[in-house]
Amino acid sequence: MLTCEICGEELLLEEDMRTHLVLSHLEQELRCPLCSLSGVSYDELCFHISCAHPEEQPGAQGPAGFVPPSGCSAGTETPQSCSAEGSRVTPPAASSVPTDSVLAQHNKALDAVGSPPGETATARSTKTSPECVAPCNEDNDGVKAKQYRLSVPRKEKLFSCPMCALVCSSCFLLQEHVELHLQEQRSHEGSAPEACSPARTSPAANSHSGERRLECPMCSVVCSDSFSLQEHVELHLDHAAAGTASSGSDLKLAKQLQQQEEAQQEREEFKKLQRQFGLDGGGGYSRQMERTMERAVARGLMAPAEFHCQRAEMMESLASGVDDGRTRTRGVVRALYEYYQTECGDSVHVWLSADTDHYCSSAGDKGWGCGYRNLQMLLSSLHTIDAFAALLQEKAVPSIPRLQRMIEDAWKEGLDPNGASHFNQRLQGTRAWIGATEIYALLTSLGISARIMDFHQPSGPGGTHPRLFDWVKQYFQQSSRSSRLPPRLVHTSMPPLYLQHQGHSRSIVGLEQKKNGSLCLLLLDPGTSASDTRKLLSRDSVSHAVRHVRKFPGSLKHKQYQVVAVQGTLSAEEKQISILNSRTLRAERIP
């Protein structure tokens, strides 16, 4: 329940309260208490009283103040009469309140109920507007006033009769008073009166016609009775509420559409990433190989008989778990050793890893198998080192599906649970990319000690990584720790290094130091075809082929590089410690 702060009337809805304030209070008109003038502003009424009723001076004979009708103002005892036809109120013959006191009290009351901000009633009385002066008739007693103030307490609320100049302090008294007007209208006109409500009326309509005309406070429509006006205003309010509800509904719908669009975009991006990293369920090595051969048959590049023959060989190789050797190139490191013995006189020192076979990508793993191919290169080198060969389960280099199952077995032992969760514990039958952590997990499960070095940011000008080159040099120098200078060409027994960066991986099989002190890595890339790699084995083409193996610091400008280095073997106790430590697998960061 809402209570009007002006008149105390209680209303149920906020919309009814706004209508009540507009109709009952905002558009009240001021009327002259000594004549029929109405529909003027406060300043115009003050100027009118001072000019049209000059005989009522402070201290002069006659009434010095005006006491409102009975029940309309505090401090009154004598009831006043109100005429139904006129708009004048007859003042009393005498008053016990001095004129100055009455004026002072009325000034305060007007300051409380009608003064603009910062303006007092006394200041308002000094304003004049000659063009707003309206003619005024003398009252019955022939008394006129120059200045006239109602004696009303500051906190009291006033209600003016819309049909005469009567001012009441209670809406109930006003209602009784208006009913008297209506009864007299019935007796004079013989017709049903119109309901009266404190709504805004048109002064022109009141002065020139007997019909009541009520103007809408929200538009220019004029209604003939208060009920029509109320229905009209309620239509305004209902339309505004409907517009607000419609706007809120449109905003909610727009948000829902935006959320649906964002969700759809996220799903598409996720599917794109799944396809990129081989987690879309599109099949693994064997399925991709079959599709490639099927397309070759469809294009006429492969005979159907050859298709079935190669498919049978592939299935036999996958069943044995051993790589078929179609992409392998042997003797690469030995060929590099022979080349540096006779060529490249501008090199001061050259370090080479243990013998390593090169494995390139095939039709079955093109686009995603570089990690597995580099792992095959590393295992091919470990097979040539007696300390590690005894730990390898397979006596030959495993195939890619076999490597996937070996990594899954390492996860089952408890290695790298975060990585296992990333792949949903499954690699077989997928084209999922692997990286440094999967290489580390597999080596640890085999009982081989390994480290992951993380060169997480460039350490040189132009986004280069000179610290990476220095660390690789220290790694290969471990095989010759004598005090004397190492020979120019050193064929070490160190396994190659697994080098990972965003989107690709390669194997470091050596390091070359020039006369000017610059370092150069020797890399075997799984992306290099077997035919190009075999050029290293020919003396006629080795000089040209070595150019693709050398990588200077300016060629390695990825933001981050990771290196997996084999350190030695693990005892059973050390292996369990490594498994426990891999629960939170951290690389050694340099710098």
Foldseek 3Di string as FASTA:
>chain_A
DDADLQARDDDDDPLVVVVCCQQFPPQDWAAAQFFQDIDDDPLQNLQQQQPQFVQQDFPHAFELAADAAPQAAPPDDDGWDDDLQTAYTDGDGYDPDHNVVQQVQQQLQCQQRPDDPPATSVNSSPDDDVVSHDHGDGHPVRGGGNGYGHRHHNSFHWGAAPRHGHIGRHPVVSQVVVVVSQVVCCVVVVDHDADDDSGNWDPVCVVPHVFTWGAAPVDGDIDRHPVVNVVVVVVVVVVVVVVVVVVVVVVVVVVVVVVVVVVVVVVVVVCVVCVLQFNNLPWALLVQVLVVVVVCVVVVNDPPVVSVVVNVVVVVQVVVQADPCPQKDFDLQVLVLVCVVVDDPQFQAKEFEAGWIAGADDSRQPNACQVVRQLLRLVRLLCVPVQRVVLDPDNHRGDPLSLQVLLLVLVVVQFQVVVCVVSVSGDHTTNGHDDDSSSCSSCLVSQFDKAKEKAQFDDDPPQFNVVVQVVVVVVRCVQPPDPDDDHRYHYGHFGWKWKDDPSHIWTFGMKTAGPVGFIKTFIRGSNDGSVLSCLSVDPVRVVVSSVVRIDGRVNDRGGMMMIMGTDGGHDPVRSVVNSVCSHPDDHHYDD
